[in-house]
Amino acid sequence: MGPSPLRVIALCSSILGVFFLAKSMTVKTPKYMLHELLRFKVNKSRFFRNYIGQKLEAIIGFVFLLFGFGIQIFLEVEALGDQPGRSYGLTNWWVVIGVTIGSSGAIVVLLNKITRYFSGKIFVELTRFMVETHRYPLASDESLVLELGRILRVPREDDDTLESYTKRVMDRMKLVAAQGDPKTGRRSSF
């Protein structure tokens, strides 16, 4: 395979895609995190605007990578067709693309399920640690209880109160009721 302008375009597109994906990775800047840690006033609207921008950069990066790798796959299949004694026509090109897209999609679905499973497990373990170590009053944080219940697949019943649902979630987490001070629960903003 000799040099080709398409190959250069594909590599440049892949480099652009990696750049945009890498740029979209950081959601919070260190300065924002320090302000939040020290409870200074933070500009949440700017953070949200940056978050949207980073999501768009991730999409742009993905499109550039898809375009670059698509051209490279096309060039590889064309090079196979140029070999003596072999004839790979348009039919085989679509087979290669179909198998590539199908297997890539299956890998994405599998990795997404694995990632969601382990991130939920880690979230529950970290929450258990915070409740047990710092005596965080879990019942005072309704949104956290509902999120834990969703992750642990604790069904909500019609006659549930926050206390009864929290007890079932804590039972599923194998927690004993924390007798923490409600004031140490949520952080107040100044």
C-alpha atoms as a PDB file:
ATOM      1  CA  MET A   1       0.000   0.000   0.000  1.00  0.00           C
ATOM      2  CA  GLY A   2       1.453   3.273  -1.093  1.00  0.00           C
ATOM      3  CA  PRO A   3       0.823   6.732   0.270  1.00  0.00           C
ATOM      4  CA  SER A   4      -2.631   8.070  -0.373  1.00  0.00           C
ATOM      5  CA  PRO A   5      -4.241  11.470   0.221  1.00  0.00           C
ATOM      6  CA  LEU A   6      -7.235   9.640   1.703  1.00  0.00           C
ATOM      7  CA  ARG A   7      -4.966   7.930   4.236  1.00  0.00           C
ATOM      8  CA  VAL A   8      -3.606  11.334   5.331  1.00  0.00           C
ATOM      9  CA  ILE A   9      -7.138  12.736   5.645  1.00  0.00           C
ATOM     10  CA  ALA A  10      -8.163   9.688   7.697  1.00  0.00           C
ATOM     11  CA  LEU A  11      -5.211  10.038  10.073  1.00  0.00           C
ATOM     12  CA  CYS A  12      -5.775  13.792  10.477  1.00  0.00           C
ATOM     13  CA  SER A  13      -9.454  13.150  11.192  1.00  0.00           C
ATOM     14  CA  SER A  14      -8.517  10.545  13.813  1.00  0.00           C
ATOM     15  CA  ILE A  15      -6.079  12.968  15.458  1.00  0.00           C
ATOM     16  CA  LEU A  16      -8.796  15.660  15.581  1.00  0.00           C
ATOM     17  CA  GLY A  17     -11.219  13.137  17.067  1.00  0.00           C
ATOM     18  CA  VAL A  18      -8.788  12.148  19.813  1.00  0.00           C
ATOM     19  CA  PHE A  19      -8.133  15.837  20.547  1.00  0.00           C
ATOM     20  CA  PHE A  20     -11.841  16.642  20.970  1.00  0.00           C
ATOM     21  CA  LEU A  21     -12.480  13.519  23.057  1.00  0.00           C
ATOM     22  CA  ALA A  22      -9.538  14.287  25.343  1.00  0.00           C
ATOM     23  CA  LYS A  23     -10.679  17.911  25.669  1.00  0.00           C
ATOM     24  CA  SER A  24     -14.171  16.782  26.674  1.00  0.00           C
ATOM     25  CA  MET A  25     -12.983  14.547  29.527  1.00  0.00           C
ATOM     26  CA  THR A  26     -12.594  17.134  32.282  1.00  0.00           C
ATOM     27  CA  VAL A  27     -15.917  18.385  33.570  1.00  0.00           C
ATOM     28  CA  LYS A  28     -14.730  20.497  36.488  1.00  0.00           C
ATOM     29  CA  THR A  29     -11.599  22.585  36.429  1.00  0.00           C
ATOM     30  CA  PRO A  30      -9.297  22.428  39.475  1.00  0.00           C
ATOM     31  CA  LYS A  31     -10.180  26.050  40.292  1.00  0.00           C
ATOM     32  CA  TYR A  32     -13.915  25.248  40.287  1.00  0.00           C
ATOM     33  CA  MET A  33     -13.340  22.182  42.479  1.00  0.00           C
ATOM     34  CA  LEU A  34     -11.276  24.209  44.956  1.00  0.00           C
ATOM     35  CA  HIS A  35     -13.955  26.899  45.155  1.00  0.00           C
ATOM     36  CA  GLU A  36     -16.564  24.202  45.730  1.00  0.00           C
ATOM     37  CA  LEU A  37     -14.388  22.456  48.342  1.00  0.00           C
ATOM     38  CA  LEU A  38     -13.792  25.671  50.257  1.00  0.00           C
ATOM     39  CA  ARG A  39     -17.471  26.572  49.894  1.00  0.00           C
ATOM     40  CA  PHE A  40     -16.826  29.756  47.974  1.00  0.00           C
ATOM     41  CA  LYS A  41     -19.513  30.994  45.683  1.00  0.00           C
ATOM     42  CA  VAL A  42     -19.303  29.171  42.353  1.00  0.00           C
ATOM     43  CA  ASN A  43     -20.806  30.137  39.028  1.00  0.00           C
ATOM     44  CA  LYS A  44     -23.051  27.131  38.410  1.00  0.00           C
ATOM     45  CA  SER A  45     -24.460  28.498  35.171  1.00  0.00           C
ATOM     46  CA  ARG A  46     -20.941  28.734  33.688  1.00  0.00           C
ATOM     47  CA  PHE A  47     -20.235  25.200  34.885  1.00  0.00           C
ATOM     48  CA  PHE A  48     -23.422  23.960  33.211  1.00  0.00           C
ATOM     49  CA  ARG A  49     -22.601  25.808  29.990  1.00  0.00           C
ATOM     50  CA  ASN A  50     -19.106  24.270  30.007  1.00  0.00           C
ATOM     51  CA  TYR A  51     -20.648  20.860  30.651  1.00  0.00           C
ATOM     52  CA  ILE A  52     -22.868  21.204  27.562  1.00  0.00           C
ATOM     53  CA  GLY A  53     -19.870  22.363  25.527  1.00  0.00           C
ATOM     54  CA  GLN A  54     -17.860  19.344  26.644  1.00  0.00           C
ATOM     55  CA  LYS A  55     -20.670  16.990  25.679  1.00  0.00           C
ATOM     56  CA  LEU A  56     -20.744  18.568  22.216  1.00  0.00           C
ATOM     57  CA  GLU A  57     -16.956  18.236  21.957  1.00  0.00           C
ATOM     58  CA  ALA A  58     -17.281  14.530  22.789  1.00  0.00           C
ATOM     59  CA  ILE A  59     -19.811  14.101  19.968  1.00  0.00           C
ATOM     60  CA  ILE A  60     -17.580  16.022  17.547  1.00  0.00           C
ATOM     61  CA  GLY A  61     -14.594  13.886  18.561  1.00  0.00           C
ATOM     62  CA  PHE A  62     -16.577  10.712  18.017  1.00  0.00           C
ATOM     63  CA  VAL A  63     -17.693  11.856  14.548  1.00  0.00           C
ATOM     64  CA  PHE A  64     -14.104  12.700  13.530  1.00  0.00           C
ATOM     65  CA  LEU A  65     -12.868   9.323  14.789  1.00  0.00           C
ATOM     66  CA  LEU A  66     -15.683   7.485  13.039  1.00  0.00           C
ATOM     67  CA  PHE A  67     -14.937   9.307   9.785  1.00  0.00           C
ATOM     68  CA  GLY A  68     -11.174   8.731  10.042  1.00  0.00           C
ATOM     69  CA  PHE A  69     -11.414   5.056  10.901  1.00  0.00           C
ATOM     70  CA  GLY A  70     -14.138   4.544   8.293  1.00  0.00           C
ATOM     71  CA  ILE A  71     -11.812   5.838   5.578  1.00  0.00           C
ATOM     72  CA  GLN A  72      -9.008   3.624   6.881  1.00  0.00           C
ATOM     73  CA  ILE A  73     -11.259   0.553   6.792  1.00  0.00           C
ATOM     74  CA  PHE A  74     -12.300   1.442   3.241  1.00  0.00           C
ATOM     75  CA  LEU A  75      -8.656   1.765   2.163  1.00  0.00           C
ATOM     76  CA  GLU A  76      -7.741  -1.557   3.773  1.00  0.00           C
ATOM     77  CA  VAL A  77     -10.582  -3.385   2.021  1.00  0.00           C
ATOM     78  CA  GLU A  78      -9.645  -1.755  -1.291  1.00  0.00           C
ATOM     79  CA  ALA A  79      -6.030  -2.843  -0.796  1.00  0.00           C
ATOM     80  CA  LEU A  80      -7.194  -6.426  -0.281  1.00  0.00           C
ATOM     81  CA  GLY A  81      -9.049  -6.253  -3.594  1.00  0.00           C
ATOM     82  CA  ASP A  82      -5.905  -5.085  -5.390  1.00  0.00           C
ATOM     83  CA  GLN A  83      -3.941  -8.222  -4.500  1.00  0.00           C
ATOM     84  CA  PRO A  84      -3.339 -10.610  -7.418  1.00  0.00           C
ATOM     85  CA  GLY A  85      -5.551 -13.675  -7.450  1.00  0.00           C
ATOM     86  CA  ARG A  86      -8.162 -12.123  -5.167  1.00  0.00           C
ATOM     87  CA  SER A  87     -11.221 -10.176  -6.108  1.00  0.00           C
ATOM     88  CA  TYR A  88     -13.047  -8.385  -3.335  1.00  0.00           C
ATOM     89  CA  GLY A  89     -15.835  -6.400  -4.821  1.00  0.00           C
ATOM     90  CA  LEU A  90     -18.457  -4.071  -3.437  1.00  0.00           C
ATOM     91  CA  THR A  91     -20.291  -6.996  -1.836  1.00  0.00           C
ATOM     92  CA  ASN A  92     -17.354  -7.842   0.398  1.00  0.00           C
ATOM     93  CA  TRP A  93     -16.922  -4.191   1.308  1.00  0.00           C
ATOM     94  CA  TRP A  94     -20.442  -4.142   2.794  1.00  0.00           C
ATOM     95  CA  VAL A  95     -19.796  -7.427   4.587  1.00  0.00           C
ATOM     96  CA  VAL A  96     -16.670  -5.990   6.208  1.00  0.00           C
ATOM     97  CA  ILE A  97     -18.517  -2.827   7.223  1.00  0.00           C
ATOM     98  CA  GLY A  98     -21.497  -4.824   8.508  1.00  0.00           C
ATOM     99  CA  VAL A  99     -19.344  -7.141  10.611  1.00  0.00           C
ATOM    100  CA  THR A 100     -17.292  -4.207  11.917  1.00  0.00           C
ATOM    101  CA  ILE A 101     -20.338  -2.159  12.898  1.00  0.00           C
ATOM    102  CA  GLY A 102     -22.155  -5.171  14.343  1.00  0.00           C
ATOM    103  CA  SER A 103     -19.231  -6.352  16.453  1.00  0.00           C
ATOM    104  CA  SER A 104     -18.431  -2.785  17.565  1.00  0.00           C
ATOM    105  CA  GLY A 105     -22.054  -2.270  18.597  1.00  0.00           C
ATOM    106  CA  ALA A 106     -22.068  -5.523  20.563  1.00  0.00           C
ATOM    107  CA  ILE A 107     -18.844  -4.538  22.341  1.00  0.00           C
ATOM    108  CA  VAL A 108     -20.269  -1.097  23.189  1.00  0.00           C
ATOM    109  CA  VAL A 109     -23.461  -2.590  24.641  1.00  0.00           C
ATOM    110  CA  LEU A 110     -21.504  -5.160  26.670  1.00  0.00           C
ATOM    111  CA  LEU A 111     -19.020  -2.604  28.032  1.00  0.00           C
ATOM    112  CA  ASN A 112     -21.860  -0.181  28.847  1.00  0.00           C
ATOM    113  CA  LYS A 113     -23.644  -2.847  30.906  1.00  0.00           C
ATOM    114  CA  ILE A 114     -20.413  -3.835  32.687  1.00  0.00           C
ATOM    115  CA  THR A 115     -19.564  -0.182  33.423  1.00  0.00           C
ATOM    116  CA  ARG A 116     -23.042   0.583  34.766  1.00  0.00           C
ATOM    117  CA  TYR A 117     -22.965  -2.514  36.980  1.00  0.00           C
ATOM    118  CA  PHE A 118     -19.580  -1.737  38.527  1.00  0.00           C
ATOM    119  CA  SER A 119     -20.201   2.019  38.875  1.00  0.00           C
ATOM    120  CA  GLY A 120     -23.429   1.240  40.759  1.00  0.00           C
ATOM    121  CA  LYS A 121     -21.613  -1.240  42.991  1.00  0.00           C
ATOM    122  CA  ILE A 122     -18.849   1.262  43.745  1.00  0.00           C
ATOM    123  CA  PHE A 123     -21.399   4.018  44.429  1.00  0.00           C
ATOM    124  CA  VAL A 124     -23.259   1.805  46.923  1.00  0.00           C
ATOM    125  CA  GLU A 125     -20.014   0.788  48.659  1.00  0.00           C
ATOM    126  CA  LEU A 126     -18.833   4.406  48.950  1.00  0.00           C
ATOM    127  CA  THR A 127     -22.219   5.455  50.292  1.00  0.00           C
ATOM    128  CA  ARG A 128     -22.149   2.599  52.817  1.00  0.00           C
ATOM    129  CA  PHE A 129     -18.690   3.758  53.926  1.00  0.00           C
ATOM    130  CA  MET A 130     -19.903   7.360  54.360  1.00  0.00           C
ATOM    131  CA  VAL A 131     -22.988   6.302  56.311  1.00  0.00           C
ATOM    132  CA  GLU A 132     -21.081   3.937  58.602  1.00  0.00           C
ATOM    133  CA  THR A 133     -17.947   6.017  59.106  1.00  0.00           C
ATOM    134  CA  HIS A 134     -19.347   9.523  59.237  1.00  0.00           C
ATOM    135  CA  ARG A 135     -22.771   8.604  60.614  1.00  0.00           C
ATOM    136  CA  TYR A 136     -24.495  10.261  57.692  1.00  0.00           C
ATOM    137  CA  PRO A 137     -28.270  10.282  58.268  1.00  0.00           C
ATOM    138  CA  LEU A 138     -29.371   8.566  55.073  1.00  0.00           C
ATOM    139  CA  ALA A 139     -33.075   9.142  55.763  1.00  0.00           C
ATOM    140  CA  SER A 140     -32.537  12.913  55.562  1.00  0.00           C
ATOM    141  CA  ASP A 141     -31.486  12.706  51.893  1.00  0.00           C
ATOM    142  CA  GLU A 142     -34.502  11.549  49.894  1.00  0.00           C
ATOM    143  CA  SER A 143     -32.840  11.801  46.470  1.00  0.00           C
ATOM    144  CA  LEU A 144     -29.903   9.667  47.646  1.00  0.00           C
ATOM    145  CA  VAL A 145     -32.260   7.023  49.068  1.00  0.00           C
ATOM    146  CA  LEU A 146     -34.207   6.901  45.796  1.00  0.00           C
ATOM    147  CA  GLU A 147     -30.998   6.598  43.752  1.00  0.00           C
ATOM    148  CA  LEU A 148     -29.701   3.801  45.986  1.00  0.00           C
ATOM    149  CA  GLY A 149     -33.058   2.050  45.727  1.00  0.00           C
ATOM    150  CA  ARG A 150     -32.940   2.291  41.932  1.00  0.00           C
ATOM    151  CA  ILE A 151     -29.387   0.888  41.803  1.00  0.00           C
ATOM    152  CA  LEU A 152     -30.163  -1.903  44.269  1.00  0.00           C
ATOM    153  CA  ARG A 153     -33.520  -2.583  42.582  1.00  0.00           C
ATOM    154  CA  VAL A 154     -35.561  -2.134  45.721  1.00  0.00           C
ATOM    155  CA  PRO A 155     -39.180  -1.880  44.538  1.00  0.00           C
ATOM    156  CA  ARG A 156     -41.313   0.996  45.761  1.00  0.00           C
ATOM    157  CA  GLU A 157     -44.696   0.030  47.116  1.00  0.00           C
ATOM    158  CA  ASP A 158     -47.874   2.110  47.189  1.00  0.00           C
ATOM    159  CA  ASP A 159     -47.969   2.418  50.971  1.00  0.00           C
ATOM    160  CA  ASP A 160     -44.264   3.266  51.316  1.00  0.00           C
ATOM    161  CA  THR A 161     -43.144   6.203  53.364  1.00  0.00           C
ATOM    162  CA  LEU A 162     -39.645   7.628  53.125  1.00  0.00           C
ATOM    163  CA  GLU A 163     -38.755   5.912  56.398  1.00  0.00           C
ATOM    164  CA  SER A 164     -40.032   2.469  55.353  1.00  0.00           C
ATOM    165  CA  TYR A 165     -38.353   2.694  51.949  1.00  0.00           C
ATOM    166  CA  THR A 166     -35.111   3.896  53.556  1.00  0.00           C
ATOM    167  CA  LYS A 167     -35.220   0.931  55.928  1.00  0.00           C
ATOM    168  CA  ARG A 168     -35.608  -1.513  53.029  1.00  0.00           C
ATOM    169  CA  VAL A 169     -32.751   0.176  51.145  1.00  0.00           C
ATOM    170  CA  MET A 170     -30.547   0.057  54.250  1.00  0.00           C
ATOM    171  CA  ASP A 171     -31.424  -3.622  54.735  1.00  0.00           C
ATOM    172  CA  ARG A 172     -30.398  -4.342  51.141  1.00  0.00           C
ATOM    173  CA  MET A 173     -27.142  -2.430  51.760  1.00  0.00           C
ATOM    174  CA  LYS A 174     -26.670  -4.407  55.010  1.00  0.00           C
ATOM    175  CA  LEU A 175     -26.460  -1.213  57.045  1.00  0.00           C
ATOM    176  CA  VAL A 176     -27.440  -0.597  60.621  1.00  0.00           C
ATOM    177  CA  ALA A 177     -29.398   2.600  61.220  1.00  0.00           C
ATOM    178  CA  ALA A 178     -27.027   5.519  61.647  1.00  0.00           C
ATOM    179  CA  GLN A 179     -27.873   7.806  64.526  1.00  0.00           C
ATOM    180  CA  GLY A 180     -26.127  10.820  63.076  1.00  0.00           C
ATOM    181  CA  ASP A 181     -26.838  14.427  63.720  1.00  0.00           C
ATOM    182  CA  PRO A 182     -29.128  15.753  60.967  1.00  0.00           C
ATOM    183  CA  LYS A 183     -26.958  18.879  60.896  1.00  0.00           C
ATOM    184  CA  THR A 184     -23.976  16.809  59.708  1.00  0.00           C
ATOM    185  CA  GLY A 185     -25.983  15.385  56.832  1.00  0.00           C
ATOM    186  CA  ARG A 186     -26.186  17.856  53.988  1.00  0.00           C
ATOM    187  CA  ARG A 187     -23.623  20.574  53.603  1.00  0.00           C
ATOM    188  CA  SER A 188     -25.088  23.999  53.957  1.00  0.00           C
ATOM    189  CA  SER A 189     -24.050  26.799  51.656  1.00  0.00           C
ATOM    190  CA  PHE A 190     -23.041  30.157  53.054  1.00  0.00           C
END
